[in-house]
C-alpha atoms as a PDB file:
ATOM      1  CA  MET A   1     -32.756 -60.657 -80.186  1.00  0.00           C
ATOM      2  CA  ARG A   2     -31.805 -62.999 -77.685  1.00  0.00           C
ATOM      3  CA  GLN A   3     -32.037 -62.693 -74.036  1.00  0.00           C
ATOM      4  CA  ILE A   4     -30.170 -64.476 -71.152  1.00  0.00           C
ATOM      5  CA  LEU A   5     -31.499 -64.140 -67.651  1.00  0.00           C
ATOM      6  CA  ARG A   6     -29.253 -65.299 -64.712  1.00  0.00           C
ATOM      7  CA  PHE A   7     -30.339 -65.785 -60.992  1.00  0.00           C
ATOM      8  CA  GLY A   8     -27.438 -67.036 -58.780  1.00  0.00           C
ATOM      9  CA  ALA A   9     -26.851 -70.637 -60.332  1.00  0.00           C
ATOM     10  CA  VAL A  10     -29.749 -70.264 -62.712  1.00  0.00           C
ATOM     11  CA  LEU A  11     -29.736 -69.865 -66.222  1.00  0.00           C
ATOM     12  CA  LEU A  12     -32.234 -69.574 -68.703  1.00  0.00           C
ATOM     13  CA  PHE A  13     -32.231 -68.814 -72.128  1.00  0.00           C
ATOM     14  CA  LEU A  14     -35.340 -67.365 -74.466  1.00  0.00           C
ATOM     15  CA  ALA A  15     -34.565 -66.397 -78.284  1.00  0.00           C
ATOM     16  CA  ALA A  16     -36.453 -65.380 -80.846  1.00  0.00           C
ATOM     17  CA  VAL A  17     -34.841 -66.106 -84.066  1.00  0.00           C
ATOM     18  CA  ALA A  18     -35.666 -66.060 -87.354  1.00  0.00           C
ATOM     19  CA  GLY A  19     -35.548 -69.245 -89.579  1.00  0.00           C
ATOM     20  CA  THR A  20     -34.775 -72.736 -88.698  1.00  0.00           C
ATOM     21  CA  GLY A  21     -31.137 -72.581 -87.921  1.00  0.00           C
ATOM     22  CA  ALA A  22     -27.629 -71.699 -88.938  1.00  0.00           C
ATOM     23  CA  ALA A  23     -26.747 -75.078 -90.729  1.00  0.00           C
ATOM     24  CA  GLN A  24     -28.002 -75.188 -94.443  1.00  0.00           C
ATOM     25  CA  ALA A  25     -28.806 -78.792 -95.586  1.00  0.00           C
ATOM     26  CA  LYS A  26     -28.546 -79.878 -99.293  1.00  0.00           C
ATOM     27  CA  ALA A  27     -30.496 -82.440-101.062  1.00  0.00           C
ATOM     28  CA  GLY A  28     -29.111 -85.980-100.223  1.00  0.00           C
ATOM     29  CA  THR A  29     -28.036 -84.690 -96.895  1.00  0.00           C
ATOM     30  CA  LEU A  30     -29.501 -85.125 -93.324  1.00  0.00           C
ATOM     31  CA  LYS A  31     -29.847 -82.603 -91.031  1.00  0.00           C
ATOM     32  CA  CYS A  32     -30.298 -83.395 -87.096  1.00  0.00           C
ATOM     33  CA  VAL A  33     -33.504 -81.542 -85.579  1.00  0.00           C
ATOM     34  CA  GLY A  34     -33.596 -83.827 -82.462  1.00  0.00           C
ATOM     35  CA  ILE A  35     -31.422 -85.963 -80.424  1.00  0.00           C
ATOM     36  CA  TYR A  36     -31.492 -87.846 -76.783  1.00  0.00           C
ATOM     37  CA  SER A  37     -28.252 -89.797 -75.419  1.00  0.00           C
ATOM     38  CA  GLU A  38     -29.083 -91.184 -71.943  1.00  0.00           C
ATOM     39  CA  THR A  39     -25.157 -91.431 -71.168  1.00  0.00           C
ATOM     40  CA  SER A  40     -21.690 -90.325 -71.989  1.00  0.00           C
ATOM     41  CA  ASP A  41     -21.126 -93.801 -73.533  1.00  0.00           C
ATOM     42  CA  GLY A  42     -24.137 -93.510 -75.676  1.00  0.00           C
ATOM     43  CA  SER A  43     -23.221 -90.348 -78.109  1.00  0.00           C
ATOM     44  CA  ILE A  44     -24.627 -90.678 -81.515  1.00  0.00           C
ATOM     45  CA  SER A  45     -22.133 -90.310 -84.079  1.00  0.00           C
ATOM     46  CA  TYR A  46     -21.442 -90.659 -87.761  1.00  0.00           C
ATOM     47  CA  GLN A  47     -18.854 -91.623 -90.271  1.00  0.00           C
ATOM     48  CA  VAL A  48     -17.607 -90.628 -93.428  1.00  0.00           C
ATOM     49  CA  GLY A  49     -15.456 -93.309 -94.993  1.00  0.00           C
ATOM     50  CA  GLY A  50     -12.888 -94.766 -93.055  1.00  0.00           C
ATOM     51  CA  GLY A  51     -12.801 -91.698 -91.105  1.00  0.00           C
ATOM     52  CA  SER A  52     -13.253 -91.017 -87.166  1.00  0.00           C
ATOM     53  CA  TRP A  53     -16.563 -91.118 -85.825  1.00  0.00           C
ATOM     54  CA  ILE A  54     -17.945 -87.598 -85.007  1.00  0.00           C
ATOM     55  CA  VAL A  55     -20.505 -86.869 -82.423  1.00  0.00           C
ATOM     56  CA  VAL A  56     -23.737 -85.358 -83.823  1.00  0.00           C
ATOM     57  CA  LYS A  57     -25.012 -82.083 -82.374  1.00  0.00           C
ATOM     58  CA  VAL A  58     -28.362 -80.532 -82.896  1.00  0.00           C
ATOM     59  CA  GLY A  59     -28.334 -78.523 -86.271  1.00  0.00           C
ATOM     60  CA  ASP A  60     -25.423 -80.485 -87.928  1.00  0.00           C
ATOM     61  CA  VAL A  61     -25.860 -81.551 -91.261  1.00  0.00           C
ATOM     62  CA  ILE A  62     -24.533 -84.984 -92.072  1.00  0.00           C
ATOM     63  CA  PRO A  63     -23.106 -85.646 -95.537  1.00  0.00           C
ATOM     64  CA  ALA A  64     -24.934 -87.838 -98.224  1.00  0.00           C
ATOM     65  CA  ASN A  65     -22.110 -90.456 -98.025  1.00  0.00           C
ATOM     66  CA  ALA A  66     -21.948 -90.808 -94.257  1.00  0.00           C
ATOM     67  CA  GLN A  67     -23.371 -93.190 -92.177  1.00  0.00           C
ATOM     68  CA  ILE A  68     -25.101 -92.850 -88.575  1.00  0.00           C
ATOM     69  CA  ARG A  69     -24.255 -95.038 -85.316  1.00  0.00           C
ATOM     70  CA  VAL A  70     -26.452 -95.661 -82.183  1.00  0.00           C
ATOM     71  CA  ASN A  71     -25.308 -97.633 -79.617  1.00  0.00           C
ATOM     72  CA  VAL A  72     -27.540 -97.453 -76.515  1.00  0.00           C
ATOM     73  CA  ASP A  73     -31.133 -98.694 -76.532  1.00  0.00           C
ATOM     74  CA  ARG A  74     -32.752 -95.842 -75.131  1.00  0.00           C
ATOM     75  CA  ASP A  75     -31.169 -93.311 -77.448  1.00  0.00           C
ATOM     76  CA  TRP A  76     -32.783 -91.916 -80.491  1.00  0.00           C
ATOM     77  CA  ILE A  77     -31.833 -89.108 -83.374  1.00  0.00           C
ATOM     78  CA  GLU A  78     -34.102 -87.135 -85.349  1.00  0.00           C
ATOM     79  CA  LEU A  79     -33.285 -86.114 -88.808  1.00  0.00           C
ATOM     80  CA  THR A  80     -34.845 -84.306 -91.764  1.00  0.00           C
ATOM     81  CA  PRO A  81     -33.768 -84.575 -95.596  1.00  0.00           C
ATOM     82  CA  GLY A  82     -31.955 -81.509 -96.731  1.00  0.00           C
ATOM     83  CA  ASN A  83     -34.473 -80.503 -99.230  1.00  0.00           C
ATOM     84  CA  ASN A  84     -37.453 -81.086 -97.124  1.00  0.00           C
ATOM     85  CA  PRO A  85     -37.914 -80.043 -93.445  1.00  0.00           C
ATOM     86  CA  ASN A  86     -41.431 -81.547 -93.142  1.00  0.00           C
ATOM     87  CA  ASN A  87     -40.316 -84.965 -93.602  1.00  0.00           C
ATOM     88  CA  VAL A  88     -38.514 -86.662 -90.694  1.00  0.00           C
ATOM     89  CA  TYR A  89     -36.688 -89.780 -89.987  1.00  0.00           C
ATOM     90  CA  GLU A  90     -36.074 -91.397 -86.446  1.00  0.00           C
ATOM     91  CA  ILE A  91     -33.583 -93.956 -85.880  1.00  0.00           C
ATOM     92  CA  HIS A  92     -33.522 -95.775 -82.001  1.00  0.00           C
ATOM     93  CA  GLY A  93     -30.651 -97.707 -80.600  1.00  0.00           C
ATOM     94  CA  PRO A  94     -31.092-101.478 -80.267  1.00  0.00           C
ATOM     95  CA  ASP A  95     -31.446-103.747 -77.246  1.00  0.00           C
ATOM     96  CA  THR A  96     -28.030-104.993 -77.736  1.00  0.00           C
ATOM     97  CA  GLY A  97     -24.834-104.135 -80.024  1.00  0.00           C
ATOM     98  CA  GLU A  98     -25.313-100.795 -82.152  1.00  0.00           C
ATOM     99  CA  VAL A  99     -27.324 -99.704 -84.999  1.00  0.00           C
ATOM    100  CA  ILE A 100     -25.464 -98.342 -88.136  1.00  0.00           C
ATOM    101  CA  LYS A 101     -27.232 -96.764 -91.220  1.00  0.00           C
ATOM    102  CA  LYS A 102     -26.021 -94.988 -94.342  1.00  0.00           C
ATOM    103  CA  VAL A 103     -27.756 -91.533 -94.997  1.00  0.00           C
ATOM    104  CA  ALA A 104     -28.658 -92.897 -98.597  1.00  0.00           C
ATOM    105  CA  ASP A 105     -30.475 -96.012 -96.799  1.00  0.00           C
ATOM    106  CA  ILE A 106     -32.146 -93.853 -94.295  1.00  0.00           C
ATOM    107  CA  LEU A 107     -33.492 -91.648 -97.078  1.00  0.00           C
ATOM    108  CA  LYS A 108     -35.038 -94.719 -98.971  1.00  0.00           C
ATOM    109  CA  GLY A 109     -37.329 -95.467 -95.852  1.00  0.00           C
ATOM    110  CA  LYS A 110     -40.805 -94.009 -95.090  1.00  0.00           C
ATOM    111  CA  PRO A 111     -40.464 -90.488 -93.458  1.00  0.00           C
ATOM    112  CA  ARG A 112     -42.936 -89.561 -90.561  1.00  0.00           C
ATOM    113  CA  ALA A 113     -44.777 -86.287 -92.386  1.00  0.00           C
ATOM    114  CA  VAL A 114     -45.039 -82.766 -90.202  1.00  0.00           C
ATOM    115  CA  SER A 115     -45.940 -79.122 -90.749  1.00  0.00           C
ATOM    116  CA  PHE A 116     -45.128 -75.717 -89.272  1.00  0.00           C
ATOM    117  CA  PRO A 117     -46.986 -72.809 -89.469  1.00  0.00           C
ATOM    118  CA  LYS A 118     -46.842 -70.645 -92.754  1.00  0.00           C
ATOM    119  CA  LYS A 119     -44.988 -67.203 -92.448  1.00  0.00           C
ATOM    120  CA  GLY A 120     -47.129 -64.511 -93.644  1.00  0.00           C
ATOM    121  CA  ALA A 121     -48.650 -61.018 -92.887  1.00  0.00           C
ATOM    122  CA  ALA A 122     -50.728 -62.623 -90.407  1.00  0.00           C
ATOM    123  CA  PRO A 123     -50.407 -65.447 -88.213  1.00  0.00           C
ATOM    124  CA  ASP A 124     -51.383 -68.881 -89.324  1.00  0.00           C
ATOM    125  CA  PRO A 125     -54.962 -69.656 -88.170  1.00  0.00           C
ATOM    126  CA  LYS A 126     -54.383 -73.243 -87.985  1.00  0.00           C
ATOM    127  CA  TYR A 127     -51.955 -72.871 -85.170  1.00  0.00           C
ATOM    128  CA  LYS A 128     -53.650 -70.209 -83.073  1.00  0.00           C
ATOM    129  CA  ASP A 129     -52.714 -70.660 -79.171  1.00  0.00           C
ATOM    130  CA  LYS A 130     -50.317 -73.516 -80.268  1.00  0.00           C
ATOM    131  CA  LEU A 131     -46.335 -73.818 -80.346  1.00  0.00           C
ATOM    132  CA  VAL A 132     -44.588 -76.344 -82.733  1.00  0.00           C
ATOM    133  CA  VAL A 133     -41.550 -78.208 -81.938  1.00  0.00           C
ATOM    134  CA  LEU A 134     -38.871 -77.118 -84.216  1.00  0.00           C
ATOM    135  CA  GLN A 135     -35.794 -78.501 -82.904  1.00  0.00           C
ATOM    136  CA  TYR A 136     -34.544 -80.131 -79.322  1.00  0.00           C
ATOM    137  CA  LEU A 137     -31.707 -81.573 -77.253  1.00  0.00           C
ATOM    138  CA  GLY A 138     -32.423 -84.127 -74.805  1.00  0.00           C
ATOM    139  CA  ARG A 139     -35.558 -85.488 -73.642  1.00  0.00           C
ATOM    140  CA  GLN A 140     -38.315 -83.354 -73.130  1.00  0.00           C
ATOM    141  CA  ILE A 141     -41.943 -84.238 -71.599  1.00  0.00           C
ATOM    142  CA  TYR A 142     -45.125 -82.613 -72.769  1.00  0.00           C
ATOM    143  CA  VAL A 143     -48.231 -83.323 -70.594  1.00  0.00           C
ATOM    144  CA  THR A 144     -51.322 -82.674 -72.592  1.00  0.00           C
ATOM    145  CA  PRO A 145     -54.303 -80.399 -71.192  1.00  0.00           C
ATOM    146  CA  ASP A 146     -56.041 -84.036 -70.243  1.00  0.00           C
ATOM    147  CA  GLY A 147     -52.827 -84.911 -68.209  1.00  0.00           C
ATOM    148  CA  ASP A 148     -51.173 -87.457 -70.646  1.00  0.00           C
ATOM    149  CA  GLN A 149     -47.171 -87.482 -70.859  1.00  0.00           C
ATOM    150  CA  ASN A 150     -45.096 -87.989 -74.083  1.00  0.00           C
ATOM    151  CA  ASP A 151     -41.796 -87.569 -75.288  1.00  0.00           C
ATOM    152  CA  ILE A 152     -41.319 -84.321 -77.133  1.00  0.00           C
ATOM    153  CA  LYS A 153     -40.299 -85.170 -80.989  1.00  0.00           C
ATOM    154  CA  TYR A 154     -39.782 -82.922 -83.981  1.00  0.00           C
ATOM    155  CA  GLY A 155     -42.821 -81.159 -85.470  1.00  0.00           C
ATOM    156  CA  ASP A 156     -45.236 -82.009 -82.331  1.00  0.00           C
ATOM    157  CA  VAL A 157     -47.574 -79.100 -81.679  1.00  0.00           C
ATOM    158  CA  LEU A 158     -48.219 -78.238 -78.469  1.00  0.00           C
ATOM    159  CA  GLU A 159     -51.650 -77.050 -77.085  1.00  0.00           C
ATOM    160  CA  MET A 160     -51.931 -73.377 -74.793  1.00  0.00           C
ATOM    161  CA  LYS A 161     -53.118 -75.401 -71.684  1.00  0.00           C
ATOM    162  CA  GLY A 162     -50.473 -78.035 -71.887  1.00  0.00           C
ATOM    163  CA  LYS A 163     -46.883 -77.953 -70.047  1.00  0.00           C
ATOM    164  CA  VAL A 164     -43.226 -79.070 -70.747  1.00  0.00           C
ATOM    165  CA  ARG A 165     -40.757 -80.284 -68.670  1.00  0.00           C
ATOM    166  CA  ILE A 166     -37.292 -80.033 -69.715  1.00  0.00           C
ATOM    167  CA  ILE A 167     -35.508 -82.780 -67.614  1.00  0.00           C
ATOM    168  CA  ALA A 168     -31.764 -81.930 -67.650  1.00  0.00           C
ATOM    169  CA  ILE A 169     -29.607 -78.943 -67.480  1.00  0.00           C
ATOM    170  CA  ASN A 170     -28.415 -77.259 -70.406  1.00  0.00           C
ATOM    171  CA  ASN A 171     -30.999 -79.330 -72.543  1.00  0.00           C
ATOM    172  CA  THR A 172     -32.947 -77.289 -75.169  1.00  0.00           C
ATOM    173  CA  ILE A 173     -36.086 -76.788 -77.063  1.00  0.00           C
ATOM    174  CA  ASP A 174     -37.021 -74.533 -79.680  1.00  0.00           C
ATOM    175  CA  LEU A 175     -40.565 -73.495 -80.177  1.00  0.00           C
ATOM    176  CA  MET A 176     -42.469 -71.605 -83.137  1.00  0.00           C
ATOM    177  CA  ASN A 177     -45.547 -70.070 -82.863  1.00  0.00           C
ATOM    178  CA  ALA A 178     -48.261 -69.273 -85.143  1.00  0.00           C
ATOM    179  CA  SER A 179     -46.427 -66.153 -86.395  1.00  0.00           C
ATOM    180  CA  GLY A 180     -43.341 -67.926 -87.228  1.00  0.00           C
ATOM    181  CA  LYS A 181     -41.491 -66.354 -84.333  1.00  0.00           C
ATOM    182  CA  VAL A 182     -38.905 -68.890 -82.427  1.00  0.00           C
ATOM    183  CA  THR A 183     -38.258 -69.040 -78.536  1.00  0.00           C
ATOM    184  CA  THR A 184     -35.779 -71.129 -77.231  1.00  0.00           C
ATOM    185  CA  VAL A 185     -35.745 -72.427 -73.401  1.00  0.00           C
ATOM    186  CA  ILE A 186     -32.857 -73.947 -71.684  1.00  0.00           C
ATOM    187  CA  GLY A 187     -33.318 -76.614 -68.795  1.00  0.00           C
ATOM    188  CA  PRO A 188     -33.866 -77.758 -66.496  1.00  0.00           C
ATOM    189  CA  LEU A 189     -37.407 -76.043 -66.511  1.00  0.00           C
ATOM    190  CA  ASN A 190     -41.149 -76.689 -65.810  1.00  0.00           C
ATOM    191  CA  PHE A 191     -43.243 -74.271 -67.605  1.00  0.00           C
ATOM    192  CA  ASN A 192     -46.513 -73.600 -69.177  1.00  0.00           C
ATOM    193  CA  VAL A 193     -46.873 -73.531 -73.014  1.00  0.00           C
ATOM    194  CA  GLU A 194     -49.171 -69.943 -72.377  1.00  0.00           C
ATOM    195  CA  GLN A 195     -46.278 -68.709 -70.973  1.00  0.00           C
ATOM    196  CA  VAL A 196     -44.363 -68.836 -73.856  1.00  0.00           C
ATOM    197  CA  LEU A 197     -47.476 -67.868 -76.157  1.00  0.00           C
ATOM    198  CA  LYS A 198     -47.793 -64.642 -73.958  1.00  0.00           C
ATOM    199  CA  ASP A 199     -43.993 -64.282 -74.169  1.00  0.00           C
ATOM    200  CA  GLU A 200     -43.224 -64.257 -70.317  1.00  0.00           C
ATOM    201  CA  LYS A 201     -39.797 -64.115 -69.087  1.00  0.00           C
ATOM    202  CA  LEU A 202     -39.300 -67.377 -67.563  1.00  0.00           C
ATOM    203  CA  TYR A 203     -36.517 -68.312 -64.944  1.00  0.00           C
ATOM    204  CA  LYS A 204     -35.535 -71.467 -62.909  1.00  0.00           C
ATOM    205  CA  PHE A 205     -34.261 -71.596 -59.722  1.00  0.00           C
ATOM    206  CA  LEU A 206     -31.682 -74.444 -58.792  1.00  0.00           C
ATOM    207  CA  ASN A 207     -32.080 -75.055 -54.900  1.00  0.00           C
ATOM    208  CA  THR A 208     -29.256 -77.160 -52.961  1.00  0.00           C
ATOM    209  CA  HIS A 209     -29.913 -79.271 -50.159  1.00  0.00           C
END
């Protein structure tokens, strides 16, 4: 069930959905699970053969015979192999020029391992009072209970007393709880992890001055 709450010029989107997205990736392909592009000139893209460059969107499955391009130094993309969502590869833009990598070469690298709640009759006790980042668009900041601030990445585990800042309009984050329920939030928005765990209906006022 998806719910859209509007207040004046405000958009908040909360969704509880089953699974990890409509796109189904296959072995040898890569699925985009997180992306941050700082400027309109820094769109991360992929190309198959000598075809046109295609801007990558969250949830896209990138073919096994493609290559990926990142051309802004502060941009990044996170990708999971089609046959293993618990492994993730991250590509960052260069200081100058551009980075171009073939999907096959990316898959030869060493991924970062992540994990998610096990779905079953009862909530996974390992993730009690926690949320796990399933995917995101744009830069998100997690403020830990101790006050440390970190860029949110795929597979991050967010503690109940932590806070999340979605910086830009229409940026999104998908969060999974211990029962496997997924909540999607659209920014800009500052919220407490506990609010999502309690299923509160979040909202955000956009004030103009």
